[in-house]
Amino acid sequence: MNEPTGNCGFATAIKAIEGKWKVDICELGTASRRFGRLRQSIPAISEKMLTQQLRELEADGLVNREVYPGSPTKVVYSLTESGAALNAGAEALCRWGE
């Protein structure tokens, strides 16, 4: 993830979760989930957008993507330790915003 100017931790955290669906994805908790289950959990998100948001979260080290061989290929997503920590911070911001 690119560090924002000034190395402000708050700005880094906000940059990591900017995007319409990233907070919704992270709020799904620490349980591992397949793509279809994630999509069902957020009905308003398109497959294309979910894929994009998951790729960005993975690139930022917030989501782990694990591929299991087989037919069909099984892909499972889960929050990393950093993702879980950021999720806790996002929950605090949500409570503050209520």
PDB file of N, CA and C in Angstrom:
ATOM      1  N   MET A   1       0.852  -1.166   0.000  1.00  0.00           N
ATOM      2  CA  MET A   1       0.000   0.000   0.000  1.00  0.00           C
ATOM      3  C   MET A   1       0.896   1.226   0.000  1.00  0.00           C
ATOM      4  N   ASN A   2       0.578   2.219  -0.792  1.00  0.00           N
ATOM      5  CA  ASN A   2       1.350   3.450  -0.813  1.00  0.00           C
ATOM      6  C   ASN A   2       1.044   4.268   0.422  1.00  0.00           C
ATOM      7  N   GLU A   3       2.091   4.759   1.048  1.00  0.00           N
ATOM      8  CA  GLU A   3       1.919   5.585   2.236  1.00  0.00           C
ATOM      9  C   GLU A   3       1.481   6.987   1.826  1.00  0.00           C
ATOM     10  N   PRO A   4       0.449   7.529   2.449  1.00  0.00           N
ATOM     11  CA  PRO A   4       0.059   8.909   2.177  1.00  0.00           C
ATOM     12  C   PRO A   4       1.158   9.864   2.628  1.00  0.00           C
ATOM     13  N   THR A   5       1.158  11.056   2.074  1.00  0.00           N
ATOM     14  CA  THR A   5       2.133  12.066   2.444  1.00  0.00           C
ATOM     15  C   THR A   5       2.081  12.320   3.940  1.00  0.00           C
ATOM     16  N   GLY A   6       3.235  12.396   4.579  1.00  0.00           N
ATOM     17  CA  GLY A   6       3.301  12.688   6.003  1.00  0.00           C
ATOM     18  C   GLY A   6       3.289  11.451   6.880  1.00  0.00           C
ATOM     19  N   ASN A   7       3.121  10.254   6.305  1.00  0.00           N
ATOM     20  CA  ASN A   7       3.128   9.011   7.086  1.00  0.00           C
ATOM     21  C   ASN A   7       2.134   9.012   8.239  1.00  0.00           C
ATOM     22  N   CYS A   8       1.001   9.626   8.071  1.00  0.00           N
ATOM     23  CA  CYS A   8      -0.027   9.653   9.105  1.00  0.00           C
ATOM     24  C   CYS A   8      -0.743   8.307   9.137  1.00  0.00           C
ATOM     25  N   GLY A   9      -0.736   7.647  10.294  1.00  0.00           N
ATOM     26  CA  GLY A   9      -1.376   6.347  10.430  1.00  0.00           C
ATOM     27  C   GLY A   9      -2.860   6.393  10.130  1.00  0.00           C
ATOM     28  N   PHE A  10      -3.525   7.458  10.547  1.00  0.00           N
ATOM     29  CA  PHE A  10      -4.957   7.595  10.292  1.00  0.00           C
ATOM     30  C   PHE A  10      -5.227   7.666   8.792  1.00  0.00           C
ATOM     31  N   ALA A  11      -4.423   8.458   8.087  1.00  0.00           N
ATOM     32  CA  ALA A  11      -4.594   8.586   6.637  1.00  0.00           C
ATOM     33  C   ALA A  11      -4.346   7.250   5.943  1.00  0.00           C
ATOM     34  N   THR A  12      -3.379   6.485   6.423  1.00  0.00           N
ATOM     35  CA  THR A  12      -3.099   5.166   5.857  1.00  0.00           C
ATOM     36  C   THR A  12      -4.300   4.247   6.036  1.00  0.00           C
ATOM     37  N   ALA A  13      -4.894   4.267   7.229  1.00  0.00           N
ATOM     38  CA  ALA A  13      -6.056   3.420   7.512  1.00  0.00           C
ATOM     39  C   ALA A  13      -7.247   3.812   6.636  1.00  0.00           C
ATOM     40  N   ILE A  14      -7.496   5.093   6.509  1.00  0.00           N
ATOM     41  CA  ILE A  14      -8.620   5.565   5.692  1.00  0.00           C
ATOM     42  C   ILE A  14      -8.400   5.188   4.232  1.00  0.00           C
ATOM     43  N   LYS A  15      -7.171   5.339   3.744  1.00  0.00           N
ATOM     44  CA  LYS A  15      -6.857   4.971   2.357  1.00  0.00           C
ATOM     45  C   LYS A  15      -7.124   3.482   2.122  1.00  0.00           C
ATOM     46  N   ALA A  16      -6.810   2.656   3.118  1.00  0.00           N
ATOM     47  CA  ALA A  16      -6.985   1.206   2.981  1.00  0.00           C
ATOM     48  C   ALA A  16      -8.450   0.812   2.865  1.00  0.00           C
ATOM     49  N   ILE A  17      -9.349   1.574   3.478  1.00  0.00           N
ATOM     50  CA  ILE A  17     -10.770   1.200   3.456  1.00  0.00           C
ATOM     51  C   ILE A  17     -11.611   2.103   2.567  1.00  0.00           C
ATOM     52  N   GLU A  18     -10.938   3.025   1.829  1.00  0.00           N
ATOM     53  CA  GLU A  18     -11.737   3.846   0.930  1.00  0.00           C
ATOM     54  C   GLU A  18     -12.268   2.972  -0.194  1.00  0.00           C
ATOM     55  N   GLY A  19     -13.435   3.256  -0.610  1.00  0.00           N
ATOM     56  CA  GLY A  19     -14.121   2.414  -1.589  1.00  0.00           C
ATOM     57  C   GLY A  19     -15.467   2.051  -0.998  1.00  0.00           C
ATOM     58  N   LYS A  20     -16.440   1.973  -1.831  1.00  0.00           N
ATOM     59  CA  LYS A  20     -17.817   1.810  -1.370  1.00  0.00           C
ATOM     60  C   LYS A  20     -18.049   0.535  -0.568  1.00  0.00           C
ATOM     61  N   TRP A  21     -17.337  -0.552  -0.875  1.00  0.00           N
ATOM     62  CA  TRP A  21     -17.678  -1.848  -0.299  1.00  0.00           C
ATOM     63  C   TRP A  21     -16.640  -2.428   0.642  1.00  0.00           C
ATOM     64  N   LYS A  22     -15.486  -1.817   0.770  1.00  0.00           N
ATOM     65  CA  LYS A  22     -14.412  -2.424   1.565  1.00  0.00           C
ATOM     66  C   LYS A  22     -14.793  -2.605   3.030  1.00  0.00           C
ATOM     67  N   VAL A  23     -15.433  -1.630   3.616  1.00  0.00           N
ATOM     68  CA  VAL A  23     -15.840  -1.757   5.021  1.00  0.00           C
ATOM     69  C   VAL A  23     -16.866  -2.877   5.158  1.00  0.00           C
ATOM     70  N   ASP A  24     -17.802  -2.957   4.216  1.00  0.00           N
ATOM     71  CA  ASP A  24     -18.804  -4.038   4.251  1.00  0.00           C
ATOM     72  C   ASP A  24     -18.138  -5.409   4.172  1.00  0.00           C
ATOM     73  N   ILE A  25     -17.136  -5.540   3.324  1.00  0.00           N
ATOM     74  CA  ILE A  25     -16.428  -6.812   3.191  1.00  0.00           C
ATOM     75  C   ILE A  25     -15.700  -7.139   4.490  1.00  0.00           C
ATOM     76  N   CYS A  26     -14.990  -6.169   5.047  1.00  0.00           N
ATOM     77  CA  CYS A  26     -14.232  -6.404   6.284  1.00  0.00           C
ATOM     78  C   CYS A  26     -15.144  -6.673   7.474  1.00  0.00           C
ATOM     79  N   GLU A  27     -16.338  -6.087   7.473  1.00  0.00           N
ATOM     80  CA  GLU A  27     -17.273  -6.289   8.582  1.00  0.00           C
ATOM     81  C   GLU A  27     -17.818  -7.711   8.645  1.00  0.00           C
ATOM     82  N   LEU A  28     -17.593  -8.495   7.626  1.00  0.00           N
ATOM     83  CA  LEU A  28     -18.123  -9.858   7.608  1.00  0.00           C
ATOM     84  C   LEU A  28     -17.407 -10.768   8.596  1.00  0.00           C
ATOM     85  N   GLY A  29     -16.382 -10.269   9.233  1.00  0.00           N
ATOM     86  CA  GLY A  29     -15.744 -11.005  10.320  1.00  0.00           C
ATOM     87  C   GLY A  29     -14.550 -11.831   9.902  1.00  0.00           C
ATOM     88  N   THR A  30     -14.070 -12.597  10.844  1.00  0.00           N
ATOM     89  CA  THR A  30     -12.835 -13.339  10.645  1.00  0.00           C
ATOM     90  C   THR A  30     -13.045 -14.722  10.037  1.00  0.00           C
ATOM     91  N   ALA A  31     -14.267 -15.148   9.863  1.00  0.00           N
ATOM     92  CA  ALA A  31     -14.528 -16.466   9.267  1.00  0.00           C
ATOM     93  C   ALA A  31     -14.108 -16.471   7.797  1.00  0.00           C
ATOM     94  N   SER A  32     -13.569 -17.584   7.343  1.00  0.00           N
ATOM     95  CA  SER A  32     -13.212 -17.742   5.932  1.00  0.00           C
ATOM     96  C   SER A  32     -14.490 -17.899   5.115  1.00  0.00           C
ATOM     97  N   ARG A  33     -14.491 -17.269   3.930  1.00  0.00           N
ATOM     98  CA  ARG A  33     -15.681 -17.341   3.076  1.00  0.00           C
ATOM     99  C   ARG A  33     -15.292 -17.477   1.621  1.00  0.00           C
ATOM    100  N   ARG A  34     -16.098 -18.207   0.910  1.00  0.00           N
ATOM    101  CA  ARG A  34     -15.917 -18.317  -0.530  1.00  0.00           C
ATOM    102  C   ARG A  34     -16.562 -17.108  -1.202  1.00  0.00           C
ATOM    103  N   PHE A  35     -16.174 -16.873  -2.462  1.00  0.00           N
ATOM    104  CA  PHE A  35     -16.646 -15.714  -3.207  1.00  0.00           C
ATOM    105  C   PHE A  35     -18.169 -15.644  -3.227  1.00  0.00           C
ATOM    106  N   GLY A  36     -18.820 -16.754  -3.536  1.00  0.00           N
ATOM    107  CA  GLY A  36     -20.284 -16.772  -3.617  1.00  0.00           C
ATOM    108  C   GLY A  36     -20.952 -16.390  -2.314  1.00  0.00           C
ATOM    109  N   ARG A  37     -20.392 -16.836  -1.205  1.00  0.00           N
ATOM    110  CA  ARG A  37     -20.951 -16.517   0.116  1.00  0.00           C
ATOM    111  C   ARG A  37     -20.770 -15.023   0.411  1.00  0.00           C
ATOM    112  N   LEU A  38     -19.607 -14.476   0.038  1.00  0.00           N
ATOM    113  CA  LEU A  38     -19.394 -13.036   0.206  1.00  0.00           C
ATOM    114  C   LEU A  38     -20.418 -12.260  -0.613  1.00  0.00           C
ATOM    115  N   ARG A  39     -20.629 -12.690  -1.837  1.00  0.00           N
ATOM    116  CA  ARG A  39     -21.582 -12.013  -2.722  1.00  0.00           C
ATOM    117  C   ARG A  39     -22.995 -12.067  -2.151  1.00  0.00           C
ATOM    118  N   GLN A  40     -23.382 -13.200  -1.573  1.00  0.00           N
ATOM    119  CA  GLN A  40     -24.707 -13.328  -0.956  1.00  0.00           C
ATOM    120  C   GLN A  40     -24.842 -12.419   0.260  1.00  0.00           C
ATOM    121  N   SER A  41     -23.753 -12.209   0.968  1.00  0.00           N
ATOM    122  CA  SER A  41     -23.779 -11.389   2.176  1.00  0.00           C
ATOM    123  C   SER A  41     -23.921  -9.906   1.872  1.00  0.00           C
ATOM    124  N   ILE A  42     -23.551  -9.514   0.656  1.00  0.00           N
ATOM    125  CA  ILE A  42     -23.654  -8.110   0.233  1.00  0.00           C
ATOM    126  C   ILE A  42     -24.416  -8.095  -1.097  1.00  0.00           C
ATOM    127  N   PRO A  43     -25.741  -8.226  -1.059  1.00  0.00           N
ATOM    128  CA  PRO A  43     -26.519  -8.411  -2.288  1.00  0.00           C
ATOM    129  C   PRO A  43     -26.389  -7.279  -3.313  1.00  0.00           C
ATOM    130  N   ALA A  44     -26.124  -6.061  -2.874  1.00  0.00           N
ATOM    131  CA  ALA A  44     -26.094  -4.935  -3.805  1.00  0.00           C
ATOM    132  C   ALA A  44     -24.789  -4.836  -4.599  1.00  0.00           C
ATOM    133  N   ILE A  45     -23.778  -5.615  -4.247  1.00  0.00           N
ATOM    134  CA  ILE A  45     -22.488  -5.518  -4.929  1.00  0.00           C
ATOM    135  C   ILE A  45     -22.473  -6.422  -6.165  1.00  0.00           C
ATOM    136  N   SER A  46     -21.879  -5.925  -7.245  1.00  0.00           N
ATOM    137  CA  SER A  46     -21.751  -6.742  -8.454  1.00  0.00           C
ATOM    138  C   SER A  46     -20.531  -7.657  -8.322  1.00  0.00           C
ATOM    139  N   GLU A  47     -20.500  -8.712  -9.123  1.00  0.00           N
ATOM    140  CA  GLU A  47     -19.353  -9.624  -9.102  1.00  0.00           C
ATOM    141  C   GLU A  47     -18.070  -8.885  -9.452  1.00  0.00           C
ATOM    142  N   LYS A  48     -18.142  -8.022 -10.457  1.00  0.00           N
ATOM    143  CA  LYS A  48     -16.971  -7.261 -10.895  1.00  0.00           C
ATOM    144  C   LYS A  48     -16.441  -6.384  -9.765  1.00  0.00           C
ATOM    145  N   MET A  49     -17.331  -5.686  -9.076  1.00  0.00           N
ATOM    146  CA  MET A  49     -16.913  -4.798  -7.996  1.00  0.00           C
ATOM    147  C   MET A  49     -16.369  -5.589  -6.813  1.00  0.00           C
ATOM    148  N   LEU A  50     -17.004  -6.709  -6.468  1.00  0.00           N
ATOM    149  CA  LEU A  50     -16.512  -7.534  -5.371  1.00  0.00           C
ATOM    150  C   LEU A  50     -15.108  -8.040  -5.692  1.00  0.00           C
ATOM    151  N   THR A  51     -14.903  -8.495  -6.916  1.00  0.00           N
ATOM    152  CA  THR A  51     -13.575  -8.956  -7.334  1.00  0.00           C
ATOM    153  C   THR A  51     -12.550  -7.842  -7.200  1.00  0.00           C
ATOM    154  N   GLN A  52     -12.890  -6.651  -7.674  1.00  0.00           N
ATOM    155  CA  GLN A  52     -11.975  -5.506  -7.606  1.00  0.00           C
ATOM    156  C   GLN A  52     -11.642  -5.155  -6.162  1.00  0.00           C
ATOM    157  N   GLN A  53     -12.655  -5.072  -5.322  1.00  0.00           N
ATOM    158  CA  GLN A  53     -12.438  -4.698  -3.927  1.00  0.00           C
ATOM    159  C   GLN A  53     -11.610  -5.755  -3.193  1.00  0.00           C
ATOM    160  N   LEU A  54     -11.878  -7.037  -3.452  1.00  0.00           N
ATOM    161  CA  LEU A  54     -11.094  -8.108  -2.829  1.00  0.00           C
ATOM    162  C   LEU A  54      -9.638  -8.051  -3.277  1.00  0.00           C
ATOM    163  N   ARG A  55      -9.396  -7.776  -4.553  1.00  0.00           N
ATOM    164  CA  ARG A  55      -8.018  -7.667  -5.052  1.00  0.00           C
ATOM    165  C   ARG A  55      -7.278  -6.520  -4.376  1.00  0.00           C
ATOM    166  N   GLU A  56      -7.954  -5.385  -4.217  1.00  0.00           N
ATOM    167  CA  GLU A  56      -7.325  -4.241  -3.551  1.00  0.00           C
ATOM    168  C   GLU A  56      -7.046  -4.549  -2.082  1.00  0.00           C
ATOM    169  N   LEU A  57      -8.004  -5.172  -1.403  1.00  0.00           N
ATOM    170  CA  LEU A  57      -7.803  -5.536   0.002  1.00  0.00           C
ATOM    171  C   LEU A  57      -6.672  -6.550   0.147  1.00  0.00           C
ATOM    172  N   GLU A  58      -6.576  -7.468  -0.798  1.00  0.00           N
ATOM    173  CA  GLU A  58      -5.486  -8.450  -0.768  1.00  0.00           C
ATOM    174  C   GLU A  58      -4.144  -7.758  -1.006  1.00  0.00           C
ATOM    175  N   ALA A  59      -4.087  -6.850  -1.971  1.00  0.00           N
ATOM    176  CA  ALA A  59      -2.852  -6.119  -2.271  1.00  0.00           C
ATOM    177  C   ALA A  59      -2.395  -5.289  -1.075  1.00  0.00           C
ATOM    178  N   ASP A  60      -3.346  -4.799  -0.297  1.00  0.00           N
ATOM    179  CA  ASP A  60      -3.029  -3.991   0.887  1.00  0.00           C
ATOM    180  C   ASP A  60      -2.745  -4.848   2.118  1.00  0.00           C
ATOM    181  N   GLY A  61      -2.816  -6.161   1.968  1.00  0.00           N
ATOM    182  CA  GLY A  61      -2.505  -7.055   3.082  1.00  0.00           C
ATOM    183  C   GLY A  61      -3.613  -7.191   4.106  1.00  0.00           C
ATOM    184  N   LEU A  62      -4.848  -6.877   3.717  1.00  0.00           N
ATOM    185  CA  LEU A  62      -5.970  -6.936   4.648  1.00  0.00           C
ATOM    186  C   LEU A  62      -6.806  -8.199   4.482  1.00  0.00           C
ATOM    187  N   VAL A  63      -6.731  -8.805   3.309  1.00  0.00           N
ATOM    188  CA  VAL A  63      -7.481 -10.021   3.014  1.00  0.00           C
ATOM    189  C   VAL A  63      -6.516 -11.071   2.478  1.00  0.00           C
ATOM    190  N   ASN A  64      -6.704 -12.286   2.927  1.00  0.00           N
ATOM    191  CA  ASN A  64      -5.927 -13.418   2.440  1.00  0.00           C
ATOM    192  C   ASN A  64      -6.785 -14.192   1.443  1.00  0.00           C
ATOM    193  N   ARG A  65      -6.199 -14.548   0.314  1.00  0.00           N
ATOM    194  CA  ARG A  65      -6.888 -15.340  -0.715  1.00  0.00           C
ATOM    195  C   ARG A  65      -6.175 -16.679  -0.810  1.00  0.00           C
ATOM    196  N   GLU A  66      -6.904 -17.737  -0.541  1.00  0.00           N
ATOM    197  CA  GLU A  66      -6.316 -19.072  -0.567  1.00  0.00           C
ATOM    198  C   GLU A  66      -7.025 -19.915  -1.621  1.00  0.00           C
ATOM    199  N   VAL A  67      -6.242 -20.478  -2.532  1.00  0.00           N
ATOM    200  CA  VAL A  67      -6.777 -21.279  -3.630  1.00  0.00           C
ATOM    201  C   VAL A  67      -6.529 -22.752  -3.336  1.00  0.00           C
ATOM    202  N   TYR A  68      -7.597 -23.537  -3.408  1.00  0.00           N
ATOM    203  CA  TYR A  68      -7.515 -24.984  -3.211  1.00  0.00           C
ATOM    204  C   TYR A  68      -7.720 -25.657  -4.563  1.00  0.00           C
ATOM    205  N   PRO A  69      -6.807 -26.556  -4.945  1.00  0.00           N
ATOM    206  CA  PRO A  69      -6.948 -27.226  -6.242  1.00  0.00           C
ATOM    207  C   PRO A  69      -8.152 -28.160  -6.256  1.00  0.00           C
ATOM    208  N   GLY A  70      -8.596 -28.443  -7.421  1.00  0.00           N
ATOM    209  CA  GLY A  70      -9.733 -29.342  -7.586  1.00  0.00           C
ATOM    210  C   GLY A  70     -10.600 -28.867  -8.721  1.00  0.00           C
ATOM    211  N   SER A  71     -11.679 -29.539  -8.915  1.00  0.00           N
ATOM    212  CA  SER A  71     -12.605 -29.151  -9.958  1.00  0.00           C
ATOM    213  C   SER A  71     -14.008 -29.098  -9.367  1.00  0.00           C
ATOM    214  N   PRO A  72     -14.578 -27.936  -9.235  1.00  0.00           N
ATOM    215  CA  PRO A  72     -14.024 -26.634  -9.585  1.00  0.00           C
ATOM    216  C   PRO A  72     -13.018 -26.154  -8.542  1.00  0.00           C
ATOM    217  N   THR A  73     -12.193 -25.204  -8.949  1.00  0.00           N
ATOM    218  CA  THR A  73     -11.220 -24.625  -8.034  1.00  0.00           C
ATOM    219  C   THR A  73     -11.956 -23.918  -6.910  1.00  0.00           C
ATOM    220  N   LYS A  74     -11.491 -24.109  -5.704  1.00  0.00           N
ATOM    221  CA  LYS A  74     -12.107 -23.493  -4.523  1.00  0.00           C
ATOM    222  C   LYS A  74     -11.208 -22.342  -4.067  1.00  0.00           C
ATOM    223  N   VAL A  75     -11.785 -21.145  -3.951  1.00  0.00           N
ATOM    224  CA  VAL A  75     -11.054 -19.972  -3.482  1.00  0.00           C
ATOM    225  C   VAL A  75     -11.735 -19.480  -2.217  1.00  0.00           C
ATOM    226  N   VAL A  76     -10.944 -19.301  -1.165  1.00  0.00           N
ATOM    227  CA  VAL A  76     -11.468 -18.879   0.132  1.00  0.00           C
ATOM    228  C   VAL A  76     -10.781 -17.580   0.545  1.00  0.00           C
ATOM    229  N   TYR A  77     -11.580 -16.642   1.035  1.00  0.00           N
ATOM    230  CA  TYR A  77     -11.069 -15.355   1.492  1.00  0.00           C
ATOM    231  C   TYR A  77     -11.236 -15.254   3.001  1.00  0.00           C
ATOM    232  N   SER A  78     -10.261 -14.628   3.641  1.00  0.00           N
ATOM    233  CA  SER A  78     -10.350 -14.376   5.081  1.00  0.00           C
ATOM    234  C   SER A  78      -9.574 -13.105   5.393  1.00  0.00           C
ATOM    235  N   LEU A  79      -9.917 -12.487   6.513  1.00  0.00           N
ATOM    236  CA  LEU A  79      -9.173 -11.309   6.944  1.00  0.00           C
ATOM    237  C   LEU A  79      -7.819 -11.738   7.483  1.00  0.00           C
ATOM    238  N   THR A  80      -6.804 -10.956   7.174  1.00  0.00           N
ATOM    239  CA  THR A  80      -5.498 -11.167   7.779  1.00  0.00           C
ATOM    240  C   THR A  80      -5.535 -10.565   9.183  1.00  0.00           C
ATOM    241  N   GLU A  81      -4.458 -10.707   9.911  1.00  0.00           N
ATOM    242  CA  GLU A  81      -4.376 -10.092  11.236  1.00  0.00           C
ATOM    243  C   GLU A  81      -4.538  -8.579  11.121  1.00  0.00           C
ATOM    244  N   SER A  82      -3.914  -7.990  10.103  1.00  0.00           N
ATOM    245  CA  SER A  82      -4.051  -6.542   9.882  1.00  0.00           C
ATOM    246  C   SER A  82      -5.483  -6.171   9.527  1.00  0.00           C
ATOM    247  N   GLY A  83      -6.133  -7.009   8.726  1.00  0.00           N
ATOM    248  CA  GLY A  83      -7.523  -6.757   8.359  1.00  0.00           C
ATOM    249  C   GLY A  83      -8.449  -6.813   9.553  1.00  0.00           C
ATOM    250  N   ALA A  84      -8.217  -7.772  10.443  1.00  0.00           N
ATOM    251  CA  ALA A  84      -9.033  -7.882  11.654  1.00  0.00           C
ATOM    252  C   ALA A  84      -8.812  -6.676  12.561  1.00  0.00           C
ATOM    253  N   ALA A  85      -7.566  -6.216  12.654  1.00  0.00           N
ATOM    254  CA  ALA A  85      -7.271  -5.038  13.479  1.00  0.00           C
ATOM    255  C   ALA A  85      -7.926  -3.796  12.891  1.00  0.00           C
ATOM    256  N   LEU A  86      -7.871  -3.658  11.572  1.00  0.00           N
ATOM    257  CA  LEU A  86      -8.509  -2.515  10.924  1.00  0.00           C
ATOM    258  C   LEU A  86     -10.022  -2.584  11.086  1.00  0.00           C
ATOM    259  N   ASN A  87     -10.570  -3.785  11.038  1.00  0.00           N
ATOM    260  CA  ASN A  87     -12.005  -3.976  11.235  1.00  0.00           C
ATOM    261  C   ASN A  87     -12.431  -3.468  12.612  1.00  0.00           C
ATOM    262  N   ALA A  88     -11.631  -3.759  13.627  1.00  0.00           N
ATOM    263  CA  ALA A  88     -11.947  -3.279  14.981  1.00  0.00           C
ATOM    264  C   ALA A  88     -11.960  -1.753  15.016  1.00  0.00           C
ATOM    265  N   GLY A  89     -11.018  -1.134  14.329  1.00  0.00           N
ATOM    266  CA  GLY A  89     -10.988   0.329  14.259  1.00  0.00           C
ATOM    267  C   GLY A  89     -12.177   0.888  13.500  1.00  0.00           C
ATOM    268  N   ALA A  90     -12.569   0.214  12.427  1.00  0.00           N
ATOM    269  CA  ALA A  90     -13.726   0.655  11.643  1.00  0.00           C
ATOM    270  C   ALA A  90     -15.004   0.556  12.467  1.00  0.00           C
ATOM    271  N   GLU A  91     -15.107  -0.491  13.288  1.00  0.00           N
ATOM    272  CA  GLU A  91     -16.276  -0.634  14.164  1.00  0.00           C
ATOM    273  C   GLU A  91     -16.359   0.533  15.140  1.00  0.00           C
ATOM    274  N   ALA A  92     -15.218   0.959  15.665  1.00  0.00           N
ATOM    275  CA  ALA A  92     -15.196   2.111  16.571  1.00  0.00           C
ATOM    276  C   ALA A  92     -15.649   3.374  15.840  1.00  0.00           C
ATOM    277  N   LEU A  93     -15.206   3.558  14.604  1.00  0.00           N
ATOM    278  CA  LEU A  93     -15.635   4.718  13.821  1.00  0.00           C
ATOM    279  C   LEU A  93     -17.134   4.660  13.533  1.00  0.00           C
ATOM    280  N   CYS A  94     -17.651   3.462  13.270  1.00  0.00           N
ATOM    281  CA  CYS A  94     -19.094   3.308  13.030  1.00  0.00           C
ATOM    282  C   CYS A  94     -19.898   3.700  14.268  1.00  0.00           C
ATOM    283  N   ARG A  95     -19.437   3.256  15.429  1.00  0.00           N
ATOM    284  CA  ARG A  95     -20.133   3.626  16.677  1.00  0.00           C
ATOM    285  C   ARG A  95     -20.082   5.136  16.876  1.00  0.00           C
ATOM    286  N   TRP A  96     -18.952   5.746  16.574  1.00  0.00           N
ATOM    287  CA  TRP A  96     -18.809   7.189  16.721  1.00  0.00           C
ATOM    288  C   TRP A  96     -19.768   7.915  15.776  1.00  0.00           C
ATOM    289  N   GLY A  97     -19.953   7.363  14.574  1.00  0.00           N
ATOM    290  CA  GLY A  97     -20.796   8.007  13.575  1.00  0.00           C
ATOM    291  C   GLY A  97     -22.288   7.864  13.806  1.00  0.00           C
ATOM    292  N   GLU A  98     -22.677   7.002  14.734  1.00  0.00           N
ATOM    293  CA  GLU A  98     -24.111   6.789  14.971  1.00  0.00           C
ATOM    294  C   GLU A  98     -24.742   7.911  15.751  1.00  0.00           C
TER     295      GLU A  98
END
